[in-house]
Protein backbone atom coordinates (compact mmCIF):
# COMPACT_ATOMS: atom_id res chain seq x y z
CA MET A 1 175.00 24.72 -1.08
CA TRP A 2 177.93 24.92 -3.09
CA PRO A 3 180.90 25.31 -0.99
CA ASN A 4 181.90 29.08 0.69
CA MET A 5 179.32 29.83 -1.71
CA ILE A 6 176.27 32.36 -2.17
CA CYS A 7 175.79 34.01 -5.08
CA GLN A 8 172.67 34.86 -7.85
CA LEU A 9 172.11 34.34 -11.00
CA SER A 10 172.01 37.25 -13.45
CA ILE A 11 168.27 36.31 -14.79
CA SER A 12 168.80 37.01 -18.78
CA GLY A 13 172.34 35.66 -18.18
CA GLN A 14 174.18 33.07 -20.46
CA LEU A 15 174.52 30.44 -16.90
CA VAL A 16 170.54 30.95 -17.12
CA LYS A 17 169.95 29.92 -20.49
CA LEU A 18 172.62 26.81 -19.99
CA LEU A 19 170.27 25.82 -17.17
CA ILE A 20 167.45 26.38 -19.33
CA TYR A 21 169.10 24.82 -22.33
CA THR A 22 169.91 21.55 -20.19
CA GLY A 23 166.40 20.98 -18.64
CA VAL A 24 167.41 21.13 -15.50
CA THR A 25 164.92 24.11 -14.66
CA ARG A 26 162.16 21.37 -14.41
CA TYR A 27 163.62 20.88 -11.00
CA LEU A 28 164.68 24.25 -9.60
CA GLU A 29 162.25 27.11 -8.45
CA PHE A 30 163.98 30.67 -8.33
CA LYS A 31 162.49 33.93 -6.87
CA SER A 32 164.14 37.36 -7.41
CA VAL A 33 166.49 38.77 -5.31
CA GLU A 34 164.88 42.12 -3.86
CA GLY A 35 167.48 44.43 -3.65
CA SER A 36 171.05 45.56 -6.01
CA PHE A 37 173.11 48.06 -4.22
CA VAL A 38 176.31 50.05 -4.51
CA TYR A 39 178.82 51.63 -1.50
CA LYS A 40 179.87 55.30 -2.26
CA GLY A 41 180.99 57.30 0.26
CA GLY A 42 180.54 55.16 3.39
CA GLU A 43 176.33 55.02 2.37
CA ILE A 44 174.81 52.51 -0.34
CA PHE A 45 172.58 53.19 -2.74
CA LYS A 46 170.20 50.90 -5.28
CA VAL A 47 171.96 50.87 -9.12
CA PRO A 48 170.16 52.85 -11.22
CA ALA A 49 170.04 51.25 -14.81
CA SER A 50 167.24 52.75 -16.38
CA GLU A 51 166.66 56.29 -17.62
CA THR A 52 163.97 57.15 -14.46
CA GLU A 53 166.01 55.30 -12.09
CA ALA A 54 169.08 57.88 -13.18
CA MET A 55 167.48 60.46 -13.15
CA SER A 56 166.10 60.31 -9.38
CA SER A 57 169.05 57.92 -7.61
CA SER A 58 170.54 60.05 -4.77
CA LEU A 59 174.05 58.69 -6.49
CA MET A 60 174.66 61.12 -8.84
CA GLY A 61 174.15 65.12 -8.28
CA MET A 62 171.26 66.87 -11.13
CA PHE A 63 173.62 67.52 -14.15
CA GLU A 64 175.58 64.12 -13.67
CA LYS A 65 172.29 62.58 -14.10
CA ARG A 66 171.73 64.11 -16.88
CA ARG A 67 174.98 62.75 -18.23
CA PHE A 68 174.39 59.34 -17.21
CA ARG A 69 171.10 59.08 -18.45
CA ASN A 70 172.40 59.69 -21.85
CA LEU A 71 174.83 57.06 -21.69
CA LEU A 72 172.55 54.45 -20.72
CA VAL A 73 170.06 55.83 -23.68
CA TYR A 74 172.97 55.32 -25.91
CA ILE A 75 173.48 51.42 -24.83
CA GLN A 76 169.78 50.56 -25.10
CA ASP A 77 169.54 52.37 -28.67
CA PHE A 78 173.02 50.46 -30.03
CA ASP A 79 173.28 47.84 -32.13
CA GLU A 80 176.27 45.99 -32.77
CA ASN A 81 174.81 45.49 -36.19
CA ASP A 82 173.48 48.39 -37.08
CA PRO A 83 176.66 51.30 -37.68
CA LYS A 84 174.16 54.07 -37.46
CA THR A 85 173.56 53.57 -33.52
CA PHE A 86 177.58 53.88 -32.72
CA LYS A 87 177.70 57.89 -33.13
CA GLY A 88 180.84 58.00 -33.82
CA ILE A 89 182.28 55.58 -31.70
CA ASP A 90 183.88 52.40 -32.86
CA PRO A 91 183.48 49.68 -29.89
CA ASN A 92 185.94 47.10 -31.62
CA LYS A 93 188.86 49.58 -30.67
CA SER A 94 187.42 52.55 -28.85
CA THR A 95 187.89 51.73 -25.39
CA MET A 96 185.40 52.14 -22.21
CA ARG A 97 187.54 54.91 -21.07
CA GLU A 98 187.10 57.16 -24.35
CA VAL A 99 183.12 56.29 -24.15
CA TYR A 100 183.07 57.60 -20.58
CA THR A 101 184.85 60.83 -21.61
CA LYS A 102 182.60 61.36 -24.67
CA PHE A 103 179.68 61.12 -22.02
CA GLY A 104 181.39 63.54 -19.90
CA LEU A 105 181.21 60.85 -16.81
CA ASP A 106 182.99 61.33 -13.44
CA SER A 107 184.96 58.15 -11.17
CA ASN A 108 182.07 57.79 -9.21
CA THR A 109 179.86 56.81 -11.47
CA ILE A 110 182.14 55.62 -13.93
CA ASP A 111 183.10 53.20 -10.37
CA PHE A 112 179.57 52.17 -10.37
CA THR A 113 178.96 51.39 -14.17
CA GLY A 114 181.88 49.40 -14.41
CA HIS A 115 181.23 47.32 -11.18
CA ALA A 116 177.88 46.94 -10.28
CA LEU A 117 176.67 47.26 -14.18
CA ALA A 118 178.84 45.73 -15.93
CA LEU A 119 179.99 43.54 -13.05
CA TYR A 120 183.98 43.81 -13.90
CA ARG A 121 186.05 42.49 -10.41
CA ASP A 122 188.81 45.47 -10.88
CA ASP A 123 189.53 48.28 -13.81
CA ALA A 124 191.38 46.51 -16.27
CA TYR A 125 188.29 46.61 -18.71
CA ILE A 126 188.93 50.60 -18.82
CA ASP A 127 191.18 50.59 -21.59
CA GLU A 128 189.77 47.55 -23.41
CA PRO A 129 187.47 47.65 -26.68
CA CYS A 130 184.37 48.84 -25.40
CA ILE A 131 182.09 46.31 -26.80
CA GLU A 132 182.05 43.48 -24.25
CA THR A 133 180.96 46.58 -21.65
CA ILE A 134 178.58 47.57 -23.90
CA LYS A 135 176.97 44.23 -24.03
CA LYS A 136 177.32 43.53 -19.53
CA ILE A 137 175.36 46.75 -19.32
CA LYS A 138 172.59 45.64 -21.89
CA LEU A 139 172.47 42.29 -20.00
CA TYR A 140 171.99 44.30 -16.39
CA SER A 141 169.09 46.13 -18.12
CA ASP A 142 167.39 43.92 -19.92
CA SER A 143 167.49 41.53 -16.84
CA LEU A 144 166.20 44.34 -14.86
CA SER A 145 163.25 45.23 -17.17
CA ARG A 146 162.06 41.23 -17.01
CA TYR A 147 161.51 41.52 -13.40
CA GLY A 148 161.75 44.64 -12.51
CA LYS A 149 163.71 44.66 -8.98
CA THR A 150 166.96 43.29 -9.82
CA PRO A 151 168.42 41.59 -12.28
CA TYR A 152 169.82 38.40 -10.45
CA LEU A 153 167.63 35.31 -9.43
CA TYR A 154 168.35 32.93 -6.34
CA PRO A 155 167.34 29.11 -6.00
CA LEU A 156 164.73 28.44 -3.72
CA TYR A 157 166.27 26.41 -0.51
CA GLY A 158 169.07 27.31 -2.39
CA LEU A 159 172.32 27.01 -4.46
CA GLY A 160 172.23 23.00 -3.01
CA GLU A 161 169.31 22.55 -5.20
CA LEU A 162 171.34 23.18 -8.61
CA PRO A 163 173.79 19.95 -8.09
CA GLN A 164 170.56 18.02 -6.94
CA GLY A 165 168.86 18.82 -9.88
CA PHE A 166 171.70 17.61 -12.07
CA ALA A 167 171.78 13.76 -10.18
CA ARG A 168 168.32 13.97 -11.08
CA LEU A 169 168.28 14.68 -14.87
CA SER A 170 171.66 12.26 -14.54
CA ALA A 171 169.51 9.50 -13.27
CA ILE A 172 167.43 9.74 -16.64
CA TYR A 173 169.60 9.43 -18.78
CA GLY A 174 171.67 6.63 -17.57
CA GLY A 175 174.18 8.14 -15.84
CA THR A 176 175.54 7.74 -12.17
CA TYR A 177 176.63 9.19 -8.85
CA MET A 178 178.86 8.05 -6.88
CA LEU A 179 179.10 10.64 -3.58
CA ASN A 180 181.59 10.13 -0.77
CA LYS A 181 184.25 8.28 -2.35
CA PRO A 182 187.02 8.87 -0.82
CA ASP A 183 190.79 9.63 -2.13
CA CYS A 184 189.94 9.63 -6.24
CA ASP A 185 192.93 9.37 -7.91
CA ILE A 186 192.86 9.76 -11.42
CA VAL A 187 194.74 6.88 -13.82
CA TYR A 188 196.63 7.66 -16.75
CA GLY A 189 197.19 5.52 -19.34
CA GLU A 190 200.70 4.61 -21.45
CA ASN A 191 199.92 7.55 -23.67
CA GLY A 192 199.44 9.95 -21.16
CA GLN A 193 195.62 10.21 -21.81
CA VAL A 194 193.33 9.61 -18.44
CA CYS A 195 191.54 6.41 -18.48
CA GLY A 196 189.92 5.77 -15.53
CA VAL A 197 188.92 7.25 -11.58
CA THR A 198 189.93 4.66 -8.98
CA SER A 199 189.04 5.06 -5.50
CA ASP A 200 188.56 2.78 -2.38
CA GLY A 201 190.09 -0.16 -4.85
CA GLU A 202 187.40 0.40 -7.40
CA THR A 203 188.30 1.97 -10.90
CA ALA A 204 185.66 3.54 -12.92
CA ARG A 205 186.67 3.54 -17.17
CA CYS A 206 185.95 6.64 -19.02
CA LYS A 207 188.11 9.21 -21.34
CA MET A 208 187.75 12.39 -20.20
CA VAL A 209 187.50 13.45 -17.09
CA ILE A 210 186.12 17.06 -15.95
CA SER A 211 187.30 18.03 -12.97
CA ASP A 212 187.47 20.65 -9.84
CA PRO A 213 190.58 21.89 -8.81
CA THR A 214 190.91 19.54 -5.85
CA TYR A 215 190.96 16.06 -7.34
CA ALA A 216 194.00 17.09 -9.36
CA LYS A 217 196.61 19.27 -7.94
CA ASP A 218 199.49 18.07 -9.85
CA LYS A 219 197.57 19.77 -12.90
CA VAL A 220 196.81 23.40 -11.62
CA LYS A 221 198.87 26.34 -9.58
CA LYS A 222 197.89 28.84 -7.24
CA VAL A 223 196.62 32.19 -8.67
CA ALA A 224 194.73 34.27 -5.48
CA GLN A 225 192.69 34.17 -2.56
CA VAL A 226 189.63 34.56 -1.51
CA ALA A 227 188.43 35.63 2.28
CA ARG A 228 185.17 35.06 3.25
CA ALA A 229 182.59 35.94 6.02
CA ILE A 230 179.19 33.89 6.46
CA CYS A 231 177.67 36.09 8.66
CA ILE A 232 174.06 35.09 10.90
CA LEU A 233 171.82 38.19 11.09
CA ASN A 234 168.71 38.37 12.92
CA HIS A 235 167.92 41.89 10.86
CA PRO A 236 167.55 42.74 7.03
CA ILE A 237 170.76 45.08 6.09
CA ALA A 238 169.77 48.56 6.86
CA ASN A 239 169.35 51.50 4.47
CA THR A 240 167.99 48.27 1.95
CA LYS A 241 163.80 49.28 2.34
CA ASP A 242 164.22 46.24 4.52
CA ALA A 243 164.94 44.29 1.94
CA LEU A 244 164.46 40.16 2.17
CA SER A 245 167.50 39.68 -0.26
CA CYS A 246 169.93 42.19 -1.88
CA GLN A 247 173.41 42.02 -3.15
CA ILE A 248 176.01 45.01 -2.32
CA ILE A 249 178.76 45.54 -4.17
CA LEU A 250 181.18 47.98 -2.74
CA PRO A 251 184.20 49.16 -5.94
CA GLN A 252 187.60 48.94 -5.29
CA ASN A 253 188.31 53.39 -5.50
CA GLN A 254 185.13 53.52 -2.74
CA VAL A 255 187.17 51.14 -0.54
CA ASN A 256 191.16 51.73 -1.57
CA ARG A 257 191.45 48.39 -2.76
CA LYS A 258 192.53 46.92 -5.98
CA THR A 259 189.27 44.79 -5.90
CA ASP A 260 185.64 44.68 -4.68
CA ILE A 261 184.17 43.80 -2.13
CA TYR A 262 180.83 41.92 -2.20
CA VAL A 263 177.77 41.26 -0.50
CA CYS A 264 175.18 38.52 -0.67
CA CYS A 265 171.91 38.36 1.70
CA VAL A 266 169.05 35.86 1.55
CA SER A 267 166.52 34.41 4.06
CA SER A 268 163.50 33.08 4.96
CA THR A 269 162.16 34.48 1.52
CA HIS A 270 164.02 31.85 -0.61
CA GLN A 271 163.97 29.08 2.22
CA VAL A 272 167.60 29.42 3.23
CA ALA A 273 167.00 30.44 6.60
CA ALA A 274 164.62 30.61 9.83
CA LYS A 275 161.94 33.15 9.28
CA GLY A 276 163.30 36.21 11.21
CA PHE A 277 166.84 35.21 10.38
CA PHE A 278 169.36 36.31 7.51
CA LEU A 279 172.51 34.90 5.84
CA ALA A 280 175.03 37.70 4.66
CA ILE A 281 178.34 36.75 2.90
CA VAL A 282 180.97 39.20 3.13
CA SER A 283 183.77 38.50 -0.05
CA THR A 284 187.03 39.57 -1.52
CA THR A 285 189.80 38.55 -3.40
CA VAL A 286 192.86 38.82 -0.20
CA GLU A 287 195.08 41.56 -1.05
CA THR A 288 196.89 42.00 2.42
CA ASP A 289 198.67 39.49 5.26
CA ASN A 290 195.24 40.22 7.47
CA PRO A 291 192.30 38.92 5.33
CA GLU A 292 189.27 39.54 7.53
CA GLN A 293 189.96 42.78 8.53
CA GLU A 294 189.66 43.03 4.69
CA LEU A 295 186.57 42.44 4.86
CA LYS A 296 185.66 45.41 7.39
CA PRO A 297 184.00 47.95 5.20
CA GLY A 298 181.22 45.08 3.80
CA LEU A 299 181.12 43.77 7.26
CA ASP A 300 180.57 47.38 8.62
CA LEU A 301 177.12 47.37 6.66
CA LEU A 302 175.80 44.21 7.96
CA GLY A 303 174.93 45.62 11.47
CA LYS A 304 175.06 43.37 14.56
CA ILE A 305 175.86 40.37 13.71
CA GLU A 306 175.10 36.91 15.74
CA GLN A 307 177.08 34.50 14.90
CA LYS A 308 180.13 34.82 12.17
CA PHE A 309 182.02 32.04 10.22
CA PHE A 310 185.45 33.26 8.70
CA SER A 311 187.40 31.44 5.99
CA VAL A 312 190.54 32.00 3.44
CA SER A 313 190.28 29.45 0.42
CA ASP A 314 192.78 29.21 -2.07
CA VAL A 315 191.97 29.54 -5.66
CA TYR A 316 193.37 27.58 -8.65
CA ALA A 317 193.73 27.79 -11.94
CA PRO A 318 194.36 24.57 -14.36
CA VAL A 319 197.74 24.87 -15.98
CA ASP A 320 197.57 23.95 -19.16
CA ASP A 321 194.27 23.32 -21.34
CA GLY A 322 193.85 19.67 -20.64
CA THR A 323 193.28 18.69 -24.34
CA LYS A 324 196.79 16.19 -23.92
CA SER A 325 195.97 14.05 -20.96
CA GLN A 326 191.41 15.17 -21.56
CA VAL A 327 191.78 16.50 -17.98
CA PHE A 328 190.12 19.92 -18.38
CA ILE A 329 190.30 21.54 -14.87
CA SER A 330 187.63 24.36 -13.50
CA THR A 331 189.22 27.39 -11.92
CA SER A 332 188.24 27.44 -8.25
CA TYR A 333 185.18 29.69 -7.00
CA ASP A 334 186.40 33.96 -6.94
CA ALA A 335 185.20 36.38 -4.50
CA THR A 336 181.74 37.78 -6.57
CA THR A 337 178.48 36.94 -5.91
CA HIS A 338 177.00 36.21 -9.15
CA PHE A 339 177.11 33.77 -11.60
CA GLU A 340 178.92 35.81 -14.80
CA SER A 341 182.77 34.23 -13.73
CA THR A 342 181.54 30.96 -13.36
CA CYS A 343 179.72 30.53 -16.25
CA VAL A 344 182.57 32.29 -18.64
CA ASP A 345 184.73 28.99 -17.00
CA VAL A 346 181.37 26.27 -17.54
CA LEU A 347 182.05 27.44 -21.40
CA ASP A 348 185.75 27.53 -21.47
CA ILE A 349 185.96 24.25 -20.29
CA TYR A 350 183.29 23.42 -22.83
CA LYS A 351 185.41 24.56 -25.42
CA ARG A 352 188.16 22.67 -24.46
CA ALA A 353 186.62 19.76 -24.25
CA THR A 354 184.56 19.52 -27.72
CA GLY A 355 186.79 21.73 -29.78
CA GLU A 356 183.92 24.85 -30.05
CA ASP A 357 182.06 26.94 -28.74
CA PHE A 358 179.02 26.45 -27.19
CA ASP A 359 176.04 27.95 -29.63
CA PHE A 360 173.77 29.64 -27.73
CA SER A 361 171.34 29.97 -30.83
CA LYS A 362 170.88 26.41 -31.55
CA MET A 363 169.25 26.19 -28.05
CA LYS A 364 166.27 23.12 -28.09
CA HIS A 365 164.76 23.99 -24.88
CA ASN A 366 161.66 27.13 -24.63
CA THR A 367 163.52 29.97 -23.14
CA GLU A 368 159.93 30.82 -21.69
CA ASP A 369 160.71 27.98 -19.26
CA GLU A 370 162.44 30.34 -17.05
CA GLY A 371 159.94 32.68 -16.66
CA GLN A 372 157.45 29.74 -15.70
CA GLN A 373 160.40 28.30 -13.37
CA THR A 374 160.85 32.14 -11.76
CA GLN A 375 158.65 33.89 -9.03
CA ASN A 376 158.82 37.76 -8.42
């Protein structure tokens, strides 16, 4: 498992596409997550992402269901290359606030649309051009339509399978993994560019280093903190229809916060816990001097907890783009339980290191591999 994390991958998201592109999926097997839920007024509800679900959801009243359904129909029909589908909305100028107003959505519907469908971490997106939000909602709906339960995948045997798969793939191409090396120091030449990494008296020569913040603390700054509670349960989370795996998002406005709270639960169905036990992670961005208390709304949803492990992790970001030193640093993991923000970081590092955007249209690997590597 990656440090302090349990995360899920969006089935049609960019990270899944990147994994398929690299070929690492030949060493991985995924299983869909059973439930996607959102918190409202002290209760949790299944996230409606289709016209049918919108009309049957208990999350909204009768008239609000129709308004939300109209928004989903508009988004599904939207084509950024066909102005006829814009219907009076300029996707590059009109804000998402204007879109919500056009369809008459109330604040609760706006909450779960922005946070549980578009997966935003706060409300800053509302006053930005709506094009990105429309794409995010389409991604959620498209991912859901592929497998029917939720738009999320989780690797069998846990996230530790991802680095293990890349280790195997690296070996095929002559790469070497050096594990448990103490006190790694980055070495720079006279021109200020990296020339190697030294550990235990040995130096590996290189022209570029890609690293997480822990190896280059002089090149990062602390930008936030994340509170996480890893909890062992002997029962599924209540009101999830006994789902063996699920994600629950508590939008910021529903819990009087500036950022969301995330709950992710997996079990033996993903081979990460003994049969009859569940592993739940509750996480959020720290906003007060009592971070454990900030997790309470999420922890309260879990019911009886057999064992809880609480931690606070610093979030670091690089102080420069790394092009001068050729040391490219990632950003620490945030509080989210999906990989969308991590994927953005990966693509940003790719651009900084190569000088160009990653072009998904030139992917050589057959995306049909995705279906072959996924279980429902």
